[in-house]
Amino acid sequence: MKNAFSDDLVNRRKFLFDSGRLVVMLSSFSLLAGACTSNDAGENRLADLVIEQGKIVLDLNESRYRALNTIGSGLKIEITRQAKPLIVTRVSETRIAAFSSQCTHAGYEVLLPEQGILACSSGHGGAFDLEGRVVNGPARSNLPSYETQLIDNRVHIAYSFR
């Protein structure tokens, strides 16, 4: 024998469950829709990055990229949630480098530069210079790098979006 109170409770639970599913679906759609938009200048943005002619462009006048105005400094750039971030470093007055943030020894994260060295977070002692070259093992190969150009205080990174 069912009572009205029991039916109301079941209906409320079903309503709350279905509402929660709807919120999750709308949130997922919103994230996907916002991942790639365009602005008035015709530049595409992926993960809040400016893409021009197939290259990532970082304007060093923007506060989020100001670390690259200091030689020996660097920052991480998230391309997508699935891809490992890029590390971008200021090597000299005229040279900026970009490379993978994944250590070539065991896949651990490479940390941002300290005193011109990028250490592997594994604790194995691996280290790289500001251009991603091995300076201390156990890594035997350099970090995968990406061609960069510094033009009018803007860094252009040739990154393959495959």
Protein backbone atom coordinates (compact mmCIF):
# COMPACT_ATOMS: atom_id res chain seq x y z
CA MET A 1 0.00 0.00 0.00
CA LYS A 2 1.53 3.28 -1.13
CA ASN A 3 0.90 6.60 0.47
CA ALA A 4 1.02 10.10 -0.99
CA PHE A 5 4.10 11.03 1.10
CA SER A 6 6.11 8.12 -0.36
CA ASP A 7 5.16 9.08 -3.94
CA ASP A 8 6.14 12.74 -3.33
CA LEU A 9 9.53 11.66 -1.95
CA VAL A 10 10.23 9.47 -4.99
CA ASN A 11 9.18 12.28 -7.35
CA ARG A 12 11.42 14.78 -5.52
CA ARG A 13 14.41 12.42 -5.69
CA LYS A 14 13.83 11.80 -9.39
CA PHE A 15 13.47 15.54 -10.01
CA LEU A 16 16.71 16.31 -8.13
CA PHE A 17 18.59 13.51 -9.88
CA ASP A 18 17.38 14.62 -13.33
CA SER A 19 18.14 18.26 -12.52
CA GLY A 20 21.67 17.34 -11.48
CA ARG A 21 22.21 15.47 -14.75
CA LEU A 22 20.96 18.49 -16.69
CA VAL A 23 23.36 20.82 -14.85
CA VAL A 24 26.30 18.52 -15.63
CA MET A 25 25.32 18.30 -19.30
CA LEU A 26 24.95 22.08 -19.63
CA SER A 27 28.27 22.67 -17.87
CA SER A 28 30.02 20.23 -20.21
CA PHE A 29 28.48 21.90 -23.25
CA SER A 30 29.52 25.34 -21.97
CA LEU A 31 33.13 24.20 -21.52
CA LEU A 32 33.26 22.69 -24.99
CA ALA A 33 31.68 25.72 -26.61
CA GLY A 34 34.13 28.07 -24.90
CA ALA A 35 37.23 26.08 -25.85
CA CYS A 36 37.44 27.55 -29.33
CA THR A 37 36.04 30.98 -30.11
CA SER A 38 37.09 33.86 -32.29
CA ASN A 39 37.40 37.57 -31.67
CA ASP A 40 36.82 40.59 -33.92
CA ALA A 41 40.41 40.53 -35.25
CA GLY A 42 39.85 37.07 -36.72
CA GLU A 43 42.26 35.39 -34.32
CA ASN A 44 41.24 31.96 -33.03
CA ARG A 45 41.60 31.17 -29.35
CA LEU A 46 42.28 27.69 -28.04
CA ALA A 47 42.55 27.35 -24.27
CA ASP A 48 42.59 31.17 -24.15
CA LEU A 49 45.56 31.40 -26.54
CA VAL A 50 45.88 33.56 -29.63
CA ILE A 51 46.49 31.53 -32.80
CA GLU A 52 47.63 33.36 -35.94
CA GLN A 53 48.49 31.54 -39.16
CA GLY A 54 48.74 28.25 -37.29
CA LYS A 55 51.14 29.56 -34.64
CA ILE A 56 50.61 30.35 -30.97
CA VAL A 57 51.28 34.05 -30.36
CA LEU A 58 52.19 35.43 -26.94
CA ASP A 59 52.17 39.21 -26.56
CA LEU A 60 54.89 40.04 -24.04
CA ASN A 61 53.07 43.27 -23.17
CA GLU A 62 50.27 41.21 -21.58
CA SER A 63 50.69 40.73 -17.85
CA ARG A 64 50.28 36.95 -18.05
CA TYR A 65 53.41 36.69 -20.26
CA ARG A 66 55.59 39.32 -18.54
CA ALA A 67 57.85 36.62 -17.01
CA LEU A 68 59.26 36.22 -20.52
CA ASN A 69 60.67 39.75 -20.38
CA THR A 70 63.35 38.55 -17.92
CA ILE A 71 66.29 36.48 -19.19
CA GLY A 72 66.42 33.14 -17.37
CA SER A 73 62.73 33.18 -16.54
CA GLY A 74 59.91 31.10 -17.96
CA LEU A 75 56.30 30.05 -17.76
CA LYS A 76 54.00 27.19 -18.67
CA ILE A 77 51.38 27.48 -21.37
CA GLU A 78 48.40 25.11 -21.29
CA ILE A 79 47.34 24.26 -24.82
CA THR A 80 44.45 21.91 -24.05
CA ARG A 81 43.40 19.96 -21.00
CA GLN A 82 44.58 16.75 -22.69
CA ALA A 83 48.03 17.94 -23.84
CA LYS A 84 51.02 18.48 -21.56
CA PRO A 85 51.78 22.19 -21.10
CA LEU A 86 54.59 23.87 -22.99
CA ILE A 87 57.44 25.54 -21.14
CA VAL A 88 58.48 28.84 -22.69
CA THR A 89 61.74 30.43 -21.50
CA ARG A 90 63.66 33.64 -22.12
CA VAL A 91 67.13 32.49 -23.18
CA SER A 92 68.62 35.86 -24.18
CA GLU A 93 67.62 39.35 -25.25
CA THR A 94 66.72 38.02 -28.71
CA ARG A 95 65.93 34.34 -28.09
CA ILE A 96 62.93 32.59 -26.57
CA ALA A 97 62.59 28.79 -26.49
CA ALA A 98 59.52 26.55 -26.25
CA PHE A 99 59.49 22.85 -25.44
CA SER A 100 57.55 20.04 -23.80
CA SER A 101 57.13 20.06 -20.02
CA GLN A 102 57.34 16.25 -19.90
CA CYS A 103 60.73 14.81 -18.91
CA THR A 104 62.21 12.47 -21.53
CA HIS A 105 63.43 10.04 -18.84
CA ALA A 106 60.24 8.88 -17.12
CA GLY A 107 57.56 11.35 -18.18
CA TYR A 108 57.50 13.44 -14.99
CA GLU A 109 56.74 17.16 -15.08
CA VAL A 110 59.64 19.53 -15.70
CA LEU A 111 59.61 22.49 -13.33
CA LEU A 112 60.05 26.15 -14.28
CA PRO A 113 63.61 27.49 -14.38
CA GLU A 114 65.58 28.33 -11.28
CA GLN A 115 69.03 29.83 -11.83
CA GLY A 116 68.91 28.87 -15.51
CA ILE A 117 68.09 25.19 -14.89
CA LEU A 118 64.82 23.29 -15.34
CA ALA A 119 64.66 20.35 -12.95
CA CYS A 120 62.61 17.20 -13.41
CA SER A 121 60.08 16.83 -10.60
CA SER A 122 60.83 13.10 -10.22
CA GLY A 123 63.73 13.59 -7.81
CA HIS A 124 65.93 11.45 -10.09
CA GLY A 125 68.27 14.43 -10.63
CA GLY A 126 67.42 15.13 -14.27
CA ALA A 127 67.89 18.72 -15.40
CA PHE A 128 67.69 20.75 -18.61
CA ASP A 129 68.99 24.16 -19.70
CA LEU A 130 66.80 27.07 -20.82
CA GLU A 131 66.55 25.56 -24.32
CA GLY A 132 65.45 22.13 -23.10
CA ARG A 133 68.84 20.43 -23.57
CA VAL A 134 69.92 17.76 -21.06
CA VAL A 135 72.49 19.04 -18.57
CA ASN A 136 72.13 16.25 -16.01
CA GLY A 137 70.83 12.66 -16.44
CA PRO A 138 69.21 10.23 -16.16
CA ALA A 139 67.44 11.78 -19.18
CA ARG A 140 69.44 11.09 -22.33
CA SER A 141 67.48 13.16 -24.82
CA ASN A 142 66.53 16.80 -24.97
CA LEU A 143 62.96 17.94 -24.42
CA PRO A 144 60.95 18.06 -27.67
CA SER A 145 61.14 21.66 -28.81
CA TYR A 146 59.09 23.98 -31.00
CA GLU A 147 60.40 26.63 -33.36
CA THR A 148 59.98 30.15 -31.98
CA GLN A 149 60.35 33.66 -33.35
CA LEU A 150 60.42 36.92 -31.40
CA ILE A 151 58.89 39.66 -33.55
CA ASP A 152 57.90 43.08 -32.17
CA ASN A 153 57.67 41.85 -28.56
CA ARG A 154 55.45 38.94 -29.61
CA VAL A 155 56.53 35.31 -29.44
CA HIS A 156 55.40 33.08 -32.31
CA ILE A 157 55.49 29.34 -31.52
CA ALA A 158 55.13 26.76 -34.31
CA TYR A 159 53.02 24.17 -32.48
CA SER A 160 51.30 21.26 -34.21
CA PHE A 161 47.66 21.03 -33.07
CA ARG A 162 47.21 17.33 -34.01
